[in-house]
């Protein structure tokens, strides 16, 4: 596969970004198995009804870690808040709040860079683009 275009990848990622629950499920289905273990993490909020019904609950936080960059999405008073962190060995060196569009662009660039050197990341990118 030729080197993925970050803009094309960002457009594919934006398709499902309106709802954090849906977005997280799409990212989990397409990324979690293809990226290194622990690269995609989701924290859910489970109500009593969710527990009784055996449902996973609603997504509260989504973190994608690629190299030294951690991209986080969280629900904040019903709105999705994005954050891009530069992290080295678990220590956050910088933290920047961004809107969902900028977060998606950063994720696309990180995935494209990872795909250039990692076969498993390339598989994840191919899944988004097809």
N, C-alpha and C. Protein backbone atom coordinates (compact mmCIF):
# COMPACT_ATOMS: atom_id res chain seq x y z
N UNK A 1 0.85 -1.18 0.00
CA UNK A 1 0.00 0.00 0.00
C UNK A 1 0.89 1.23 0.00
N UNK A 2 0.57 2.24 -0.83
CA UNK A 2 1.34 3.47 -0.78
C UNK A 2 1.11 4.18 0.56
N UNK A 3 1.97 5.14 0.86
CA UNK A 3 1.85 5.85 2.13
C UNK A 3 0.47 6.52 2.23
N UNK A 4 -0.26 6.31 3.33
CA UNK A 4 -1.62 6.85 3.44
C UNK A 4 -1.61 8.37 3.51
N UNK A 5 -2.62 8.96 2.90
CA UNK A 5 -2.81 10.40 2.91
C UNK A 5 -3.54 10.77 4.19
N UNK A 6 -2.93 11.62 5.02
CA UNK A 6 -3.52 11.98 6.31
C UNK A 6 -4.88 12.66 6.14
N UNK A 7 -5.06 13.45 5.08
CA UNK A 7 -6.35 14.13 4.88
C UNK A 7 -7.45 13.13 4.55
N UNK A 8 -7.15 12.14 3.72
CA UNK A 8 -8.12 11.11 3.38
C UNK A 8 -8.48 10.30 4.62
N UNK A 9 -7.49 9.99 5.43
CA UNK A 9 -7.71 9.26 6.66
C UNK A 9 -8.56 10.08 7.64
N UNK A 10 -8.28 11.37 7.75
CA UNK A 10 -9.06 12.24 8.64
C UNK A 10 -10.52 12.28 8.20
N UNK A 11 -10.77 12.35 6.89
CA UNK A 11 -12.15 12.35 6.39
C UNK A 11 -12.85 11.05 6.75
N UNK A 12 -12.15 9.93 6.63
CA UNK A 12 -12.74 8.64 6.98
C UNK A 12 -13.03 8.57 8.48
N UNK A 13 -12.15 9.13 9.30
CA UNK A 13 -12.37 9.13 10.75
C UNK A 13 -13.55 10.01 11.14
N UNK A 14 -13.75 11.12 10.43
CA UNK A 14 -14.83 12.05 10.76
C UNK A 14 -16.22 11.48 10.47
N UNK A 15 -16.30 10.49 9.62
CA UNK A 15 -17.61 9.94 9.23
C UNK A 15 -18.46 9.60 10.44
N UNK A 16 -17.86 9.08 11.49
CA UNK A 16 -18.61 8.58 12.63
C UNK A 16 -18.35 9.36 13.91
N UNK A 17 -17.95 10.63 13.79
CA UNK A 17 -17.50 11.35 14.98
C UNK A 17 -18.58 12.14 15.70
N UNK A 18 -19.82 12.10 15.26
CA UNK A 18 -20.86 12.93 15.87
C UNK A 18 -21.19 12.49 17.30
N UNK A 19 -21.11 11.21 17.58
CA UNK A 19 -21.50 10.68 18.89
C UNK A 19 -20.29 9.95 19.48
N UNK A 20 -19.90 10.32 20.69
CA UNK A 20 -18.71 9.72 21.29
C UNK A 20 -18.85 8.22 21.44
N UNK A 21 -20.04 7.73 21.80
CA UNK A 21 -20.23 6.28 21.92
C UNK A 21 -19.98 5.59 20.58
N UNK A 22 -20.58 6.10 19.52
CA UNK A 22 -20.41 5.51 18.20
C UNK A 22 -18.96 5.63 17.74
N UNK A 23 -18.37 6.80 17.94
CA UNK A 23 -16.99 7.05 17.54
C UNK A 23 -16.04 6.08 18.24
N UNK A 24 -16.23 5.91 19.54
CA UNK A 24 -15.38 5.00 20.30
C UNK A 24 -15.55 3.57 19.81
N UNK A 25 -16.77 3.15 19.53
CA UNK A 25 -16.99 1.79 19.05
C UNK A 25 -16.32 1.57 17.70
N UNK A 26 -16.41 2.56 16.81
CA UNK A 26 -15.76 2.45 15.49
C UNK A 26 -14.25 2.37 15.67
N UNK A 27 -13.69 3.23 16.51
CA UNK A 27 -12.25 3.20 16.74
C UNK A 27 -11.82 1.87 17.36
N UNK A 28 -12.59 1.39 18.31
CA UNK A 28 -12.25 0.11 18.94
C UNK A 28 -12.29 -1.02 17.93
N UNK A 29 -13.33 -1.05 17.11
CA UNK A 29 -13.47 -2.13 16.13
C UNK A 29 -12.35 -2.10 15.10
N UNK A 30 -11.92 -0.91 14.72
CA UNK A 30 -10.93 -0.79 13.65
C UNK A 30 -9.49 -0.66 14.12
N UNK A 31 -9.29 -0.17 15.33
CA UNK A 31 -7.93 0.10 15.78
C UNK A 31 -7.41 -0.86 16.85
N UNK A 32 -8.24 -1.20 17.80
CA UNK A 32 -7.77 -1.91 18.99
C UNK A 32 -7.01 -3.18 18.66
N UNK A 33 -7.47 -3.96 17.70
CA UNK A 33 -6.79 -5.22 17.38
C UNK A 33 -5.56 -5.02 16.50
N UNK A 34 -5.50 -3.89 15.80
CA UNK A 34 -4.41 -3.67 14.85
C UNK A 34 -3.24 -2.89 15.43
N UNK A 35 -3.49 -2.13 16.47
CA UNK A 35 -2.42 -1.35 17.09
C UNK A 35 -1.83 -2.13 18.25
N UNK A 36 -0.69 -1.71 18.74
CA UNK A 36 -0.08 -2.41 19.88
C UNK A 36 -1.04 -2.48 21.07
N UNK A 37 -0.94 -3.55 21.85
CA UNK A 37 -1.82 -3.69 23.01
C UNK A 37 -1.76 -2.45 23.91
N UNK A 38 -2.91 -1.99 24.34
CA UNK A 38 -2.99 -0.83 25.22
C UNK A 38 -2.99 0.51 24.51
N UNK A 39 -2.85 0.52 23.19
CA UNK A 39 -2.81 1.80 22.46
C UNK A 39 -4.17 2.50 22.47
N UNK A 40 -5.25 1.72 22.50
CA UNK A 40 -6.60 2.29 22.54
C UNK A 40 -7.24 1.85 23.85
N UNK A 41 -7.65 2.83 24.65
CA UNK A 41 -8.29 2.53 25.92
C UNK A 41 -9.59 3.29 26.03
N UNK A 42 -10.61 2.63 26.56
CA UNK A 42 -11.93 3.24 26.72
C UNK A 42 -12.37 3.06 28.16
N UNK A 43 -12.87 4.14 28.73
CA UNK A 43 -13.48 4.08 30.06
C UNK A 43 -14.97 4.32 29.86
N UNK A 44 -15.76 3.45 30.45
CA UNK A 44 -17.21 3.53 30.29
C UNK A 44 -17.88 3.85 31.61
N UNK A 45 -19.04 4.44 31.51
CA UNK A 45 -19.88 4.71 32.67
C UNK A 45 -21.07 3.76 32.57
N UNK A 46 -21.20 2.87 33.55
CA UNK A 46 -22.29 1.89 33.53
C UNK A 46 -23.31 2.23 34.60
N UNK A 47 -24.53 2.39 34.16
CA UNK A 47 -25.62 2.61 35.11
C UNK A 47 -26.07 1.25 35.65
N UNK A 48 -26.92 1.28 36.65
CA UNK A 48 -27.48 0.04 37.19
C UNK A 48 -28.24 -0.69 36.09
N UNK A 49 -28.97 0.04 35.28
CA UNK A 49 -29.73 -0.57 34.17
C UNK A 49 -28.79 -1.26 33.20
N UNK A 50 -27.65 -0.62 32.89
CA UNK A 50 -26.66 -1.24 32.00
C UNK A 50 -26.14 -2.54 32.61
N UNK A 51 -25.85 -2.53 33.88
CA UNK A 51 -25.32 -3.72 34.54
C UNK A 51 -26.33 -4.86 34.53
N UNK A 52 -27.58 -4.54 34.85
CA UNK A 52 -28.62 -5.57 34.87
C UNK A 52 -28.85 -6.14 33.47
N UNK A 53 -28.81 -5.27 32.47
CA UNK A 53 -29.05 -5.71 31.09
C UNK A 53 -27.80 -6.33 30.45
N UNK A 54 -26.66 -6.27 31.13
CA UNK A 54 -25.43 -6.85 30.59
C UNK A 54 -24.79 -5.99 29.51
N UNK A 55 -25.14 -4.70 29.48
CA UNK A 55 -24.57 -3.80 28.47
C UNK A 55 -23.25 -3.22 28.99
N UNK A 56 -22.41 -2.83 28.03
CA UNK A 56 -21.09 -2.28 28.38
C UNK A 56 -21.19 -0.90 29.01
N UNK A 57 -22.22 -0.15 28.75
CA UNK A 57 -22.37 1.20 29.27
C UNK A 57 -21.95 2.22 28.23
N UNK A 58 -22.11 3.49 28.58
CA UNK A 58 -21.78 4.56 27.64
C UNK A 58 -20.31 4.97 27.80
N UNK A 59 -19.72 5.38 26.69
CA UNK A 59 -18.31 5.76 26.70
C UNK A 59 -18.16 7.11 27.38
N UNK A 60 -17.25 7.18 28.33
CA UNK A 60 -16.97 8.41 29.06
C UNK A 60 -15.64 9.01 28.62
N UNK A 61 -14.65 8.16 28.33
CA UNK A 61 -13.32 8.60 27.91
C UNK A 61 -12.76 7.65 26.87
N UNK A 62 -12.01 8.21 25.93
CA UNK A 62 -11.33 7.44 24.90
C UNK A 62 -9.91 7.97 24.78
N UNK A 63 -8.92 7.10 24.91
CA UNK A 63 -7.52 7.49 24.78
C UNK A 63 -6.86 6.63 23.71
N UNK A 64 -6.13 7.29 22.80
CA UNK A 64 -5.34 6.60 21.78
C UNK A 64 -3.90 7.07 21.96
N UNK A 65 -3.00 6.13 22.21
CA UNK A 65 -1.59 6.46 22.43
C UNK A 65 -0.77 5.89 21.28
N UNK A 66 -0.11 6.77 20.55
CA UNK A 66 0.77 6.38 19.45
C UNK A 66 2.10 7.07 19.65
N UNK A 67 3.12 6.29 19.94
CA UNK A 67 4.43 6.87 20.20
C UNK A 67 4.39 7.73 21.45
N UNK A 68 4.82 8.97 21.31
CA UNK A 68 4.85 9.89 22.45
C UNK A 68 3.63 10.81 22.48
N UNK A 69 2.62 10.49 21.68
CA UNK A 69 1.43 11.32 21.63
C UNK A 69 0.23 10.55 22.17
N UNK A 70 -0.49 11.18 23.10
CA UNK A 70 -1.73 10.60 23.62
C UNK A 70 -2.87 11.53 23.24
N UNK A 71 -3.85 10.97 22.54
CA UNK A 71 -5.00 11.73 22.11
C UNK A 71 -6.20 11.28 22.93
N UNK A 72 -6.84 12.19 23.64
CA UNK A 72 -7.92 11.84 24.54
C UNK A 72 -9.20 12.56 24.15
N UNK A 73 -10.30 11.83 24.24
CA UNK A 73 -11.63 12.42 24.09
C UNK A 73 -12.40 12.11 25.35
N UNK A 74 -13.11 13.12 25.86
CA UNK A 74 -13.91 12.94 27.06
C UNK A 74 -15.22 13.68 26.90
N UNK A 75 -16.23 13.19 27.58
CA UNK A 75 -17.48 13.93 27.60
C UNK A 75 -17.39 14.93 28.75
N UNK A 76 -17.75 16.15 28.46
CA UNK A 76 -17.70 17.23 29.44
C UNK A 76 -19.01 18.00 29.36
N UNK A 77 -19.90 17.74 30.32
CA UNK A 77 -21.22 18.38 30.34
C UNK A 77 -21.99 18.13 29.03
N UNK A 78 -21.94 16.90 28.57
CA UNK A 78 -22.66 16.53 27.37
C UNK A 78 -21.96 16.84 26.06
N UNK A 79 -20.83 17.50 26.11
CA UNK A 79 -20.07 17.83 24.90
C UNK A 79 -18.78 17.03 24.88
N UNK A 80 -18.27 16.79 23.68
CA UNK A 80 -17.02 16.06 23.53
C UNK A 80 -15.86 17.05 23.60
N UNK A 81 -14.91 16.78 24.51
CA UNK A 81 -13.73 17.62 24.66
C UNK A 81 -12.50 16.81 24.27
N UNK A 82 -11.68 17.35 23.38
CA UNK A 82 -10.47 16.68 22.93
C UNK A 82 -9.24 17.24 23.61
N UNK A 83 -8.23 16.40 23.71
CA UNK A 83 -6.97 16.82 24.32
C UNK A 83 -5.84 16.06 23.64
N UNK A 84 -4.78 16.78 23.34
CA UNK A 84 -3.59 16.17 22.75
C UNK A 84 -2.44 16.37 23.73
N UNK A 85 -1.83 15.26 24.13
CA UNK A 85 -0.75 15.32 25.11
C UNK A 85 0.53 14.76 24.51
N UNK A 86 1.64 15.39 24.84
CA UNK A 86 2.97 14.85 24.52
C UNK A 86 3.43 14.18 25.80
N UNK A 87 3.63 12.86 25.72
CA UNK A 87 3.90 12.07 26.91
C UNK A 87 5.15 11.22 26.69
N UNK A 88 6.06 11.26 27.64
CA UNK A 88 7.27 10.45 27.56
C UNK A 88 7.35 9.61 28.82
N UNK A 89 7.37 8.27 28.64
CA UNK A 89 7.44 7.32 29.75
C UNK A 89 6.43 7.63 30.86
N UNK A 90 5.20 7.93 30.44
CA UNK A 90 4.13 8.15 31.40
C UNK A 90 4.06 9.55 31.99
N UNK A 91 4.98 10.42 31.63
CA UNK A 91 4.98 11.79 32.15
C UNK A 91 4.50 12.72 31.06
N UNK A 92 3.45 13.48 31.35
CA UNK A 92 2.89 14.42 30.38
C UNK A 92 3.73 15.69 30.37
N UNK A 93 4.36 15.96 29.22
CA UNK A 93 5.20 17.15 29.08
C UNK A 93 4.40 18.35 28.60
N UNK A 94 3.37 18.10 27.79
CA UNK A 94 2.50 19.20 27.36
C UNK A 94 1.11 18.66 27.14
N UNK A 95 0.13 19.55 27.31
CA UNK A 95 -1.27 19.18 27.20
C UNK A 95 -2.00 20.34 26.53
N UNK A 96 -2.79 20.01 25.49
CA UNK A 96 -3.49 21.06 24.74
C UNK A 96 -4.92 20.62 24.46
N UNK A 97 -5.88 21.46 24.84
CA UNK A 97 -7.29 21.17 24.55
C UNK A 97 -7.58 21.57 23.11
N UNK A 98 -8.32 20.70 22.40
CA UNK A 98 -8.63 20.95 20.99
C UNK A 98 -10.08 20.56 20.73
N UNK A 99 -10.61 21.05 19.59
CA UNK A 99 -11.96 20.62 19.20
C UNK A 99 -11.86 19.26 18.51
N UNK A 100 -13.01 18.67 18.23
CA UNK A 100 -13.03 17.32 17.67
C UNK A 100 -12.38 17.27 16.29
N UNK A 101 -12.55 18.31 15.48
CA UNK A 101 -11.94 18.34 14.16
C UNK A 101 -10.42 18.30 14.23
N UNK A 102 -9.84 19.10 15.10
CA UNK A 102 -8.38 19.11 15.24
C UNK A 102 -7.88 17.80 15.84
N UNK A 103 -8.65 17.24 16.77
CA UNK A 103 -8.29 15.96 17.38
C UNK A 103 -8.25 14.87 16.31
N UNK A 104 -9.26 14.85 15.44
CA UNK A 104 -9.34 13.86 14.38
C UNK A 104 -8.18 14.01 13.40
N UNK A 105 -7.84 15.26 13.05
CA UNK A 105 -6.70 15.50 12.17
C UNK A 105 -5.40 14.99 12.80
N UNK A 106 -5.22 15.24 14.10
CA UNK A 106 -4.02 14.78 14.80
C UNK A 106 -3.97 13.25 14.83
N UNK A 107 -5.12 12.61 15.05
CA UNK A 107 -5.17 11.15 15.05
C UNK A 107 -4.81 10.61 13.67
N UNK A 108 -5.33 11.24 12.64
CA UNK A 108 -5.04 10.80 11.26
C UNK A 108 -3.55 10.93 10.96
N UNK A 109 -2.93 12.04 11.36
CA UNK A 109 -1.50 12.22 11.13
C UNK A 109 -0.68 11.18 11.90
N UNK A 110 -1.07 10.92 13.14
CA UNK A 110 -0.36 9.93 13.96
C UNK A 110 -0.50 8.53 13.37
N UNK A 111 -1.71 8.18 12.91
CA UNK A 111 -1.92 6.87 12.31
C UNK A 111 -1.14 6.73 11.01
N UNK A 112 -1.12 7.79 10.20
CA UNK A 112 -0.38 7.75 8.94
C UNK A 112 1.11 7.58 9.21
N UNK A 113 1.63 8.28 10.22
CA UNK A 113 3.05 8.14 10.57
C UNK A 113 3.34 6.73 11.09
N UNK A 114 2.44 6.20 11.93
CA UNK A 114 2.64 4.85 12.45
C UNK A 114 2.55 3.82 11.34
N UNK A 115 1.65 4.04 10.38
CA UNK A 115 1.47 3.09 9.27
C UNK A 115 2.69 3.03 8.37
N UNK A 116 3.43 4.12 8.32
CA UNK A 116 4.63 4.15 7.48
C UNK A 116 5.71 3.20 8.00
N UNK A 117 5.68 2.90 9.30
CA UNK A 117 6.74 2.06 9.86
C UNK A 117 6.24 0.80 10.57
N UNK A 118 4.91 0.60 10.62
CA UNK A 118 4.37 -0.51 11.39
C UNK A 118 3.28 -1.21 10.59
N UNK A 119 3.46 -2.50 10.33
CA UNK A 119 2.50 -3.25 9.52
C UNK A 119 1.14 -3.34 10.17
N UNK A 120 1.08 -3.48 11.50
CA UNK A 120 -0.21 -3.58 12.19
C UNK A 120 -0.97 -2.26 12.09
N UNK A 121 -0.29 -1.14 12.23
CA UNK A 121 -0.95 0.17 12.08
C UNK A 121 -1.41 0.36 10.65
N UNK A 122 -0.64 -0.12 9.69
CA UNK A 122 -1.03 -0.02 8.29
C UNK A 122 -2.34 -0.77 8.04
N UNK A 123 -2.52 -1.93 8.68
CA UNK A 123 -3.76 -2.68 8.57
C UNK A 123 -4.94 -1.87 9.09
N UNK A 124 -4.76 -1.17 10.21
CA UNK A 124 -5.83 -0.34 10.76
C UNK A 124 -6.20 0.78 9.81
N UNK A 125 -5.21 1.42 9.21
CA UNK A 125 -5.46 2.49 8.27
C UNK A 125 -6.19 1.96 7.06
N UNK A 126 -5.78 0.81 6.55
CA UNK A 126 -6.45 0.22 5.39
C UNK A 126 -7.92 -0.08 5.69
N UNK A 127 -8.21 -0.51 6.92
CA UNK A 127 -9.59 -0.79 7.30
C UNK A 127 -10.45 0.47 7.26
N UNK A 128 -9.89 1.59 7.70
CA UNK A 128 -10.64 2.85 7.67
C UNK A 128 -10.89 3.32 6.25
N UNK A 129 -9.92 3.12 5.38
CA UNK A 129 -10.01 3.67 4.03
C UNK A 129 -10.81 2.79 3.08
N UNK A 130 -11.12 1.57 3.49
CA UNK A 130 -11.91 0.70 2.60
C UNK A 130 -13.31 0.55 3.07
